[in-house]
C-alpha atoms as a PDB file:
ATOM      1  CA  MET A   1     -36.484  12.078 -11.439  1.00  0.00           C
ATOM      2  CA  ALA A   2     -34.741  15.107  -9.981  1.00  0.00           C
ATOM      3  CA  ASP A   3     -32.946  14.588  -6.671  1.00  0.00           C
ATOM      4  CA  TRP A   4     -35.059  17.237  -4.936  1.00  0.00           C
ATOM      5  CA  LYS A   5     -38.223  15.370  -5.888  1.00  0.00           C
ATOM      6  CA  ARG A   6     -36.844  12.132  -4.494  1.00  0.00           C
ATOM      7  CA  GLY A   7     -35.914  13.900  -1.306  1.00  0.00           C
ATOM      8  CA  LEU A   8     -39.353  15.453  -0.993  1.00  0.00           C
ATOM      9  CA  ARG A   9     -40.992  12.069  -1.451  1.00  0.00           C
ATOM     10  CA  ARG A  10     -38.812  10.515   1.231  1.00  0.00           C
ATOM     11  CA  VAL A  11     -40.025  13.205   3.634  1.00  0.00           C
ATOM     12  CA  LEU A  12     -43.715  13.246   2.708  1.00  0.00           C
ATOM     13  CA  TYR A  13     -44.555   9.647   1.851  1.00  0.00           C
ATOM     14  CA  PRO A  14     -44.162   8.141   5.360  1.00  0.00           C
ATOM     15  CA  ALA A  15     -46.711  10.632   6.695  1.00  0.00           C
ATOM     16  CA  TYR A  16     -49.028   9.976   3.747  1.00  0.00           C
ATOM     17  CA  GLU A  17     -48.747   6.200   4.233  1.00  0.00           C
ATOM     18  CA  ALA A  18     -49.493   6.529   7.943  1.00  0.00           C
ATOM     19  CA  ARG A  19     -52.571   8.608   7.096  1.00  0.00           C
ATOM     20  CA  LEU A  20     -53.742   6.030   4.570  1.00  0.00           C
ATOM     21  CA  LEU A  21     -53.280   3.236   7.094  1.00  0.00           C
ATOM     22  CA  ARG A  22     -55.190   5.075   9.830  1.00  0.00           C
ATOM     23  CA  ARG A  23     -58.129   5.730   7.501  1.00  0.00           C
ATOM     24  CA  LEU A  24     -58.488   2.250   6.043  1.00  0.00           C
ATOM     25  CA  PRO A  25     -62.010   0.886   6.662  1.00  0.00           C
ATOM     26  CA  ASP A  26     -62.490  -2.389   8.495  1.00  0.00           C
ATOM     27  CA  ASN A  27     -63.785  -4.290   5.436  1.00  0.00           C
ATOM     28  CA  ARG A  28     -60.368  -5.403   4.257  1.00  0.00           C
ATOM     29  CA  PRO A  29     -59.664  -8.416   2.061  1.00  0.00           C
ATOM     30  CA  GLN A  30     -58.997 -11.766   3.655  1.00  0.00           C
ATOM     31  CA  HIS A  31     -57.122 -13.206   0.665  1.00  0.00           C
ATOM     32  CA  ILE A  32     -55.001 -11.133  -1.739  1.00  0.00           C
ATOM     33  CA  ALA A  33     -53.545 -12.541  -4.960  1.00  0.00           C
ATOM     34  CA  VAL A  34     -50.724 -10.682  -6.699  1.00  0.00           C
ATOM     35  CA  LEU A  35     -49.277 -10.943 -10.207  1.00  0.00           C
ATOM     36  CA  LEU A  36     -45.699  -9.766  -9.771  1.00  0.00           C
ATOM     37  CA  ASP A  37     -45.415  -8.332 -13.266  1.00  0.00           C
ATOM     38  CA  GLY A  38     -42.948  -6.023 -14.984  1.00  0.00           C
ATOM     39  CA  ASN A  39     -39.562  -7.259 -13.768  1.00  0.00           C
ATOM     40  CA  ARG A  40     -38.052  -7.440 -17.262  1.00  0.00           C
ATOM     41  CA  ARG A  41     -39.415  -4.065 -18.336  1.00  0.00           C
ATOM     42  CA  TRP A  42     -38.137  -2.511 -15.121  1.00  0.00           C
ATOM     43  CA  ALA A  43     -34.683  -3.930 -15.842  1.00  0.00           C
ATOM     44  CA  ARG A  44     -34.703  -2.426 -19.334  1.00  0.00           C
ATOM     45  CA  SER A  45     -35.832   0.927 -17.948  1.00  0.00           C
ATOM     46  CA  VAL A  46     -32.775   1.106 -15.680  1.00  0.00           C
ATOM     47  CA  GLY A  47     -30.379  -0.250 -18.297  1.00  0.00           C
ATOM     48  CA  ARG A  48     -29.744  -3.610 -16.633  1.00  0.00           C
ATOM     49  CA  ASP A  49     -30.138  -7.236 -17.690  1.00  0.00           C
ATOM     50  CA  THR A  50     -33.207  -9.393 -17.113  1.00  0.00           C
ATOM     51  CA  ALA A  51     -31.714 -11.284 -14.174  1.00  0.00           C
ATOM     52  CA  HIS A  52     -31.186  -7.994 -12.343  1.00  0.00           C
ATOM     53  CA  GLY A  53     -34.885  -7.250 -12.768  1.00  0.00           C
ATOM     54  CA  TYR A  54     -35.867 -10.629 -11.357  1.00  0.00           C
ATOM     55  CA  ARG A  55     -33.560 -10.164  -8.374  1.00  0.00           C
ATOM     56  CA  ALA A  56     -35.025  -6.709  -7.710  1.00  0.00           C
ATOM     57  CA  GLY A  57     -38.513  -8.175  -7.898  1.00  0.00           C
ATOM     58  CA  ALA A  58     -37.599 -11.013  -5.528  1.00  0.00           C
ATOM     59  CA  ALA A  59     -36.246  -8.469  -3.033  1.00  0.00           C
ATOM     60  CA  ASN A  60     -39.669  -6.784  -2.928  1.00  0.00           C
ATOM     61  CA  ILE A  61     -41.569  -9.922  -1.873  1.00  0.00           C
ATOM     62  CA  GLU A  62     -40.695  -9.937   1.818  1.00  0.00           C
ATOM     63  CA  PRO A  63     -41.587  -6.244   2.337  1.00  0.00           C
ATOM     64  CA  MET A  64     -44.936  -6.784   0.610  1.00  0.00           C
ATOM     65  CA  LEU A  65     -45.747  -9.745   2.859  1.00  0.00           C
ATOM     66  CA  GLY A  66     -45.005  -7.509   5.817  1.00  0.00           C
ATOM     67  CA  TRP A  67     -47.476  -4.935   4.497  1.00  0.00           C
ATOM     68  CA  CYS A  68     -50.084  -7.682   4.214  1.00  0.00           C
ATOM     69  CA  GLU A  69     -49.527  -8.695   7.834  1.00  0.00           C
ATOM     70  CA  GLU A  70     -49.819  -5.053   8.863  1.00  0.00           C
ATOM     71  CA  VAL A  71     -53.406  -4.786   7.578  1.00  0.00           C
ATOM     72  CA  GLY A  72     -54.509  -8.242   8.738  1.00  0.00           C
ATOM     73  CA  ILE A  73     -54.448 -10.273   5.520  1.00  0.00           C
ATOM     74  CA  GLU A  74     -54.781 -14.008   6.171  1.00  0.00           C
ATOM     75  CA  VAL A  75     -53.871 -15.523   2.779  1.00  0.00           C
ATOM     76  CA  VAL A  76     -51.587 -14.225   0.017  1.00  0.00           C
ATOM     77  CA  THR A  77     -51.039 -15.863  -3.366  1.00  0.00           C
ATOM     78  CA  LEU A  78     -47.971 -14.781  -5.336  1.00  0.00           C
ATOM     79  CA  TRP A  79     -47.647 -15.700  -9.019  1.00  0.00           C
ATOM     80  CA  LEU A  80     -43.930 -16.002  -9.673  1.00  0.00           C
ATOM     81  CA  LEU A  81     -43.847 -18.153 -12.805  1.00  0.00           C
ATOM     82  CA  SER A  82     -46.524 -19.327 -15.234  1.00  0.00           C
ATOM     83  CA  THR A  83     -46.629 -22.482 -17.324  1.00  0.00           C
ATOM     84  CA  ASP A  84     -46.164 -20.234 -20.372  1.00  0.00           C
ATOM     85  CA  ASN A  85     -43.020 -18.733 -18.815  1.00  0.00           C
ATOM     86  CA  LEU A  86     -41.448 -22.198 -18.918  1.00  0.00           C
ATOM     87  CA  ASN A  87     -41.114 -21.716 -22.688  1.00  0.00           C
ATOM     88  CA  ARG A  88     -38.694 -18.814 -22.273  1.00  0.00           C
ATOM     89  CA  PRO A  89     -35.111 -19.262 -23.545  1.00  0.00           C
ATOM     90  CA  GLU A  90     -32.964 -21.379 -21.255  1.00  0.00           C
ATOM     91  CA  ALA A  91     -30.504 -18.513 -20.816  1.00  0.00           C
ATOM     92  CA  GLU A  92     -33.306 -16.505 -19.173  1.00  0.00           C
ATOM     93  CA  LEU A  93     -35.260 -19.305 -17.512  1.00  0.00           C
ATOM     94  CA  THR A  94     -32.397 -20.978 -15.659  1.00  0.00           C
ATOM     95  CA  PRO A  95     -31.318 -17.839 -13.728  1.00  0.00           C
ATOM     96  CA  LEU A  96     -34.968 -17.043 -12.990  1.00  0.00           C
ATOM     97  CA  LEU A  97     -35.566 -20.481 -11.486  1.00  0.00           C
ATOM     98  CA  GLY A  98     -32.448 -20.055  -9.369  1.00  0.00           C
ATOM     99  CA  ILE A  99     -33.673 -16.682  -8.105  1.00  0.00           C
ATOM    100  CA  ILE A 100     -37.070 -18.183  -7.262  1.00  0.00           C
ATOM    101  CA  GLU A 101     -35.427 -21.079  -5.405  1.00  0.00           C
ATOM    102  CA  ASP A 102     -33.245 -18.710  -3.364  1.00  0.00           C
ATOM    103  CA  SER A 103     -36.136 -16.361  -2.626  1.00  0.00           C
ATOM    104  CA  VAL A 104     -38.472 -19.113  -1.449  1.00  0.00           C
ATOM    105  CA  ALA A 105     -35.726 -20.688   0.667  1.00  0.00           C
ATOM    106  CA  ALA A 106     -35.073 -17.309   2.310  1.00  0.00           C
ATOM    107  CA  LEU A 107     -38.763 -16.883   3.106  1.00  0.00           C
ATOM    108  CA  ALA A 108     -38.864 -20.378   4.605  1.00  0.00           C
ATOM    109  CA  GLU A 109     -35.848 -19.615   6.809  1.00  0.00           C
ATOM    110  CA  GLU A 110     -37.737 -16.673   8.279  1.00  0.00           C
ATOM    111  CA  ARG A 111     -40.387 -19.106   9.634  1.00  0.00           C
ATOM    112  CA  ARG A 112     -42.730 -16.169   9.662  1.00  0.00           C
ATOM    113  CA  TRP A 113     -45.226 -17.430   7.086  1.00  0.00           C
ATOM    114  CA  ARG A 114     -46.683 -20.810   6.093  1.00  0.00           C
ATOM    115  CA  LEU A 115     -45.573 -21.410   2.513  1.00  0.00           C
ATOM    116  CA  HIS A 116     -47.659 -23.527   0.165  1.00  0.00           C
ATOM    117  CA  PRO A 117     -46.379 -24.205  -3.375  1.00  0.00           C
ATOM    118  CA  VAL A 118     -49.126 -24.279  -6.013  1.00  0.00           C
ATOM    119  CA  GLY A 119     -48.700 -25.190  -9.647  1.00  0.00           C
ATOM    120  CA  ALA A 120     -47.775 -28.066 -11.913  1.00  0.00           C
ATOM    121  CA  LEU A 121     -44.582 -28.972 -10.080  1.00  0.00           C
ATOM    122  CA  ASP A 122     -44.097 -31.926 -12.419  1.00  0.00           C
ATOM    123  CA  LEU A 123     -43.330 -29.432 -15.205  1.00  0.00           C
ATOM    124  CA  LEU A 124     -40.455 -27.869 -13.251  1.00  0.00           C
ATOM    125  CA  PRO A 125     -36.869 -29.088 -13.008  1.00  0.00           C
ATOM    126  CA  ALA A 126     -36.643 -31.678 -10.246  1.00  0.00           C
ATOM    127  CA  SER A 127     -34.362 -29.485  -8.133  1.00  0.00           C
ATOM    128  CA  THR A 128     -36.791 -26.548  -8.253  1.00  0.00           C
ATOM    129  CA  ALA A 129     -39.800 -28.717  -7.418  1.00  0.00           C
ATOM    130  CA  GLU A 130     -37.930 -30.285  -4.512  1.00  0.00           C
ATOM    131  CA  LYS A 131     -36.922 -26.933  -3.055  1.00  0.00           C
ATOM    132  CA  LEU A 132     -40.491 -25.655  -3.252  1.00  0.00           C
ATOM    133  CA  LYS A 133     -41.784 -28.778  -1.519  1.00  0.00           C
ATOM    134  CA  SER A 134     -39.073 -28.491   1.133  1.00  0.00           C
ATOM    135  CA  ALA A 135     -40.075 -24.879   1.843  1.00  0.00           C
ATOM    136  CA  GLY A 136     -43.681 -25.992   2.274  1.00  0.00           C
ATOM    137  CA  ASP A 137     -42.715 -28.849   4.593  1.00  0.00           C
ATOM    138  CA  ALA A 138     -40.363 -26.662   6.631  1.00  0.00           C
ATOM    139  CA  THR A 139     -43.104 -24.099   7.355  1.00  0.00           C
ATOM    140  CA  SER A 140     -46.135 -26.392   7.668  1.00  0.00           C
ATOM    141  CA  ASP A 141     -46.270 -25.840  11.432  1.00  0.00           C
ATOM    142  CA  VAL A 142     -45.941 -22.044  11.262  1.00  0.00           C
ATOM    143  CA  GLU A 143     -49.065 -20.290  12.504  1.00  0.00           C
ATOM    144  CA  GLY A 144     -48.527 -17.111  10.527  1.00  0.00           C
ATOM    145  CA  MET A 145     -50.101 -15.910   7.299  1.00  0.00           C
ATOM    146  CA  LEU A 146     -50.569 -18.528   4.565  1.00  0.00           C
ATOM    147  CA  VAL A 147     -48.552 -17.671   1.442  1.00  0.00           C
ATOM    148  CA  ASN A 148     -49.254 -19.592  -1.761  1.00  0.00           C
ATOM    149  CA  ILE A 149     -46.193 -19.650  -4.026  1.00  0.00           C
ATOM    150  CA  ALA A 150     -47.459 -20.091  -7.597  1.00  0.00           C
ATOM    151  CA  VAL A 151     -44.609 -21.465  -9.729  1.00  0.00           C
ATOM    152  CA  GLY A 152     -45.261 -23.359 -12.958  1.00  0.00           C
ATOM    153  CA  TYR A 153     -48.843 -22.229 -12.500  1.00  0.00           C
ATOM    154  CA  GLY A 154     -51.555 -21.903 -15.139  1.00  0.00           C
ATOM    155  CA  GLY A 155     -55.259 -21.514 -14.462  1.00  0.00           C
ATOM    156  CA  ARG A 156     -56.361 -23.877 -17.221  1.00  0.00           C
ATOM    157  CA  ARG A 157     -53.823 -26.465 -16.113  1.00  0.00           C
ATOM    158  CA  GLU A 158     -55.103 -26.196 -12.537  1.00  0.00           C
ATOM    159  CA  ILE A 159     -58.694 -26.859 -13.595  1.00  0.00           C
ATOM    160  CA  ALA A 160     -57.600 -29.807 -15.763  1.00  0.00           C
ATOM    161  CA  ASP A 161     -55.589 -31.201 -12.841  1.00  0.00           C
ATOM    162  CA  ALA A 162     -58.603 -30.771 -10.549  1.00  0.00           C
ATOM    163  CA  VAL A 163     -60.877 -32.679 -12.911  1.00  0.00           C
ATOM    164  CA  ARG A 164     -58.246 -35.390 -13.347  1.00  0.00           C
ATOM    165  CA  SER A 165     -57.913 -35.737  -9.565  1.00  0.00           C
ATOM    166  CA  LEU A 166     -61.693 -35.848  -9.139  1.00  0.00           C
ATOM    167  CA  LEU A 167     -62.078 -38.583 -11.755  1.00  0.00           C
ATOM    168  CA  ALA A 168     -59.278 -40.629 -10.210  1.00  0.00           C
ATOM    169  CA  GLU A 169     -60.845 -40.336  -6.769  1.00  0.00           C
ATOM    170  CA  HIS A 170     -64.229 -41.552  -7.980  1.00  0.00           C
ATOM    171  CA  ALA A 171     -62.695 -44.306 -10.091  1.00  0.00           C
ATOM    172  CA  ALA A 172     -61.046 -45.632  -6.916  1.00  0.00           C
ATOM    173  CA  LEU A 173     -64.447 -45.548  -5.205  1.00  0.00           C
ATOM    174  CA  GLY A 174     -66.070 -47.426  -8.083  1.00  0.00           C
ATOM    175  CA  THR A 175     -68.311 -44.513  -9.111  1.00  0.00           C
ATOM    176  CA  SER A 176     -69.419 -44.733 -12.730  1.00  0.00           C
ATOM    177  CA  LEU A 177     -69.179 -41.724 -15.045  1.00  0.00           C
ATOM    178  CA  GLU A 178     -72.975 -41.692 -15.289  1.00  0.00           C
ATOM    179  CA  GLU A 179     -73.332 -41.532 -11.513  1.00  0.00           C
ATOM    180  CA  LEU A 180     -70.692 -38.822 -11.241  1.00  0.00           C
ATOM    181  CA  ALA A 181     -72.337 -36.733 -13.951  1.00  0.00           C
ATOM    182  CA  GLN A 182     -75.603 -36.736 -12.011  1.00  0.00           C
ATOM    183  CA  THR A 183     -74.071 -35.397  -8.788  1.00  0.00           C
ATOM    184  CA  LEU A 184     -71.120 -33.271  -9.942  1.00  0.00           C
ATOM    185  CA  ASP A 185     -71.232 -29.616  -8.836  1.00  0.00           C
ATOM    186  CA  VAL A 186     -68.838 -26.693  -8.494  1.00  0.00           C
ATOM    187  CA  ASP A 187     -67.868 -27.617  -4.938  1.00  0.00           C
ATOM    188  CA  ASP A 188     -66.558 -30.951  -6.189  1.00  0.00           C
ATOM    189  CA  ILE A 189     -64.173 -29.135  -8.533  1.00  0.00           C
ATOM    190  CA  SER A 190     -63.144 -26.630  -5.850  1.00  0.00           C
ATOM    191  CA  ALA A 191     -62.226 -29.481  -3.517  1.00  0.00           C
ATOM    192  CA  HIS A 192     -59.516 -30.599  -5.953  1.00  0.00           C
ATOM    193  CA  LEU A 193     -57.907 -27.240  -6.807  1.00  0.00           C
ATOM    194  CA  TYR A 194     -54.365 -26.387  -5.718  1.00  0.00           C
ATOM    195  CA  THR A 195     -55.920 -23.973  -3.190  1.00  0.00           C
ATOM    196  CA  LYS A 196     -58.525 -26.389  -1.846  1.00  0.00           C
ATOM    197  CA  GLY A 197     -59.783 -25.466   1.610  1.00  0.00           C
ATOM    198  CA  GLN A 198     -58.769 -21.824   1.244  1.00  0.00           C
ATOM    199  CA  PRO A 199     -61.017 -18.805   0.759  1.00  0.00           C
ATOM    200  CA  ASP A 200     -61.122 -17.461  -2.790  1.00  0.00           C
ATOM    201  CA  PRO A 201     -59.175 -14.222  -3.325  1.00  0.00           C
ATOM    202  CA  ASP A 202     -61.106 -11.087  -2.450  1.00  0.00           C
ATOM    203  CA  LEU A 203     -58.636  -8.849  -4.272  1.00  0.00           C
ATOM    204  CA  VAL A 204     -56.349  -9.538  -7.234  1.00  0.00           C
ATOM    205  CA  ILE A 205     -53.545  -7.023  -7.821  1.00  0.00           C
ATOM    206  CA  ARG A 206     -51.535  -6.829 -11.033  1.00  0.00           C
ATOM    207  CA  THR A 207     -48.567  -4.526 -11.395  1.00  0.00           C
ATOM    208  CA  SER A 208     -46.966  -3.058 -14.564  1.00  0.00           C
ATOM    209  CA  GLY A 209     -50.133  -1.535 -16.054  1.00  0.00           C
ATOM    210  CA  GLU A 210     -51.364  -4.727 -17.747  1.00  0.00           C
ATOM    211  CA  GLN A 211     -55.125  -5.148 -17.304  1.00  0.00           C
ATOM    212  CA  ARG A 212     -55.711  -8.869 -17.745  1.00  0.00           C
ATOM    213  CA  LEU A 213     -55.514 -12.010 -15.635  1.00  0.00           C
ATOM    214  CA  GLY A 214     -53.377 -14.026 -18.041  1.00  0.00           C
ATOM    215  CA  GLY A 215     -54.773 -17.281 -16.637  1.00  0.00           C
ATOM    216  CA  PHE A 216     -54.258 -16.488 -12.954  1.00  0.00           C
ATOM    217  CA  LEU A 217     -56.701 -18.201 -10.567  1.00  0.00           C
ATOM    218  CA  LEU A 218     -59.369 -18.493 -13.270  1.00  0.00           C
ATOM    219  CA  TRP A 219     -61.703 -20.563 -11.109  1.00  0.00           C
ATOM    220  CA  GLN A 220     -61.097 -18.799  -7.797  1.00  0.00           C
ATOM    221  CA  SER A 221     -61.349 -15.209  -9.067  1.00  0.00           C
ATOM    222  CA  ALA A 222     -64.957 -15.424 -10.289  1.00  0.00           C
ATOM    223  CA  THR A 223     -66.104 -12.854  -7.712  1.00  0.00           C
ATOM    224  CA  SER A 224     -62.772 -11.155  -6.960  1.00  0.00           C
ATOM    225  CA  GLU A 225     -62.177  -7.433  -7.163  1.00  0.00           C
ATOM    226  CA  PHE A 226     -59.296  -6.347  -9.419  1.00  0.00           C
ATOM    227  CA  TYR A 227     -56.743  -3.588  -8.972  1.00  0.00           C
ATOM    228  CA  PHE A 228     -54.285  -2.691 -11.735  1.00  0.00           C
ATOM    229  CA  CYS A 229     -51.234  -0.668 -10.762  1.00  0.00           C
ATOM    230  CA  GLU A 230     -48.984   1.149 -13.251  1.00  0.00           C
ATOM    231  CA  ALA A 231     -45.791   0.538 -11.265  1.00  0.00           C
ATOM    232  CA  TYR A 232     -43.518  -2.308 -12.328  1.00  0.00           C
ATOM    233  CA  TRP A 233     -43.257  -4.920  -9.586  1.00  0.00           C
ATOM    234  CA  PRO A 234     -39.750  -3.902  -8.337  1.00  0.00           C
ATOM    235  CA  ASP A 235     -41.089  -0.337  -7.898  1.00  0.00           C
ATOM    236  CA  PHE A 236     -44.305  -1.412  -6.124  1.00  0.00           C
ATOM    237  CA  ARG A 237     -44.304   0.462  -2.813  1.00  0.00           C
ATOM    238  CA  ARG A 238     -46.152   0.328   0.473  1.00  0.00           C
ATOM    239  CA  VAL A 239     -48.157   3.373  -0.612  1.00  0.00           C
ATOM    240  CA  ASP A 240     -49.249   1.517  -3.787  1.00  0.00           C
ATOM    241  CA  PHE A 241     -50.316  -1.434  -1.670  1.00  0.00           C
ATOM    242  CA  LEU A 242     -52.295   0.727   0.745  1.00  0.00           C
ATOM    243  CA  ARG A 243     -54.026   2.453  -2.172  1.00  0.00           C
ATOM    244  CA  ALA A 244     -55.076  -0.964  -3.491  1.00  0.00           C
ATOM    245  CA  ILE A 245     -56.520  -1.897  -0.100  1.00  0.00           C
ATOM    246  CA  ARG A 246     -58.328   1.453   0.083  1.00  0.00           C
ATOM    247  CA  ALA A 247     -59.780   0.968  -3.409  1.00  0.00           C
ATOM    248  CA  TYR A 248     -61.030  -2.480  -2.435  1.00  0.00           C
ATOM    249  CA  ALA A 249     -62.624  -1.199   0.780  1.00  0.00           C
ATOM    250  CA  GLN A 250     -64.459   1.538  -1.131  1.00  0.00           C
ATOM    251  CA  ARG A 251     -66.160  -0.912  -3.492  1.00  0.00           C
ATOM    252  CA  GLN A 252     -69.542  -2.449  -2.881  1.00  0.00           C
ATOM    253  CA  ARG A 253     -69.291  -6.167  -3.555  1.00  0.00           C
ATOM    254  CA  ARG A 254     -72.585  -7.563  -4.836  1.00  0.00           C
ATOM    255  CA  PHE A 255     -71.563 -11.106  -5.839  1.00  0.00           C
ATOM    256  CA  GLY A 256     -74.008 -10.975  -8.738  1.00  0.00           C
ATOM    257  CA  THR A 257     -77.038 -10.073  -6.625  1.00  0.00           C
END
């Protein structure tokens, strides 16, 4: 992009963002879920290695959480690493896990948000799982926005884990499978999800132009609104975020009725 265009944007965008913020309706989402997608493609587009893309993406997390606070979001879920991502080459996966560990630790040190790791932590290296748990413990008393950190997360795995937990609970109570089958309903499954006790996401945002969930919050997103943004995650800006909130507020949610 030409330098004069960059300069013009720096001048005009703050005013445009302020106008967007002032005109946002009151019906804003309570829970936003975000797929932070496009880090590797962004790195290739600027001629850098994959790790540089992940670091750039990690640097954009804290600003985005600030934008969420600004518009009154109560819960944010960030998908940083899927169960499928764990199959990436070790030369790529190891630096990525280190970047995630450092990023989550930095967020915990802020003591600004209540961090809650979600995912199959047993699939992660022990050091990564421990650091995620430590971040959750260190911020459990923070009264700020709840931030779910989805690492080693897969929607199908979550549902399987929920069913497994439900069966174990009823086995301990002496409930037979026949008795459980007669009473089982969707609320029973929801009570055993990684996000149990939380509202389902009102809005799911995916960056990088991909228009699919890829297994993200399969159970919880049944009635969510979706917003797909062309920008790669490291380039996702406050103006992109505000446009997503505006798009959500303009929709009429019918919940199947």
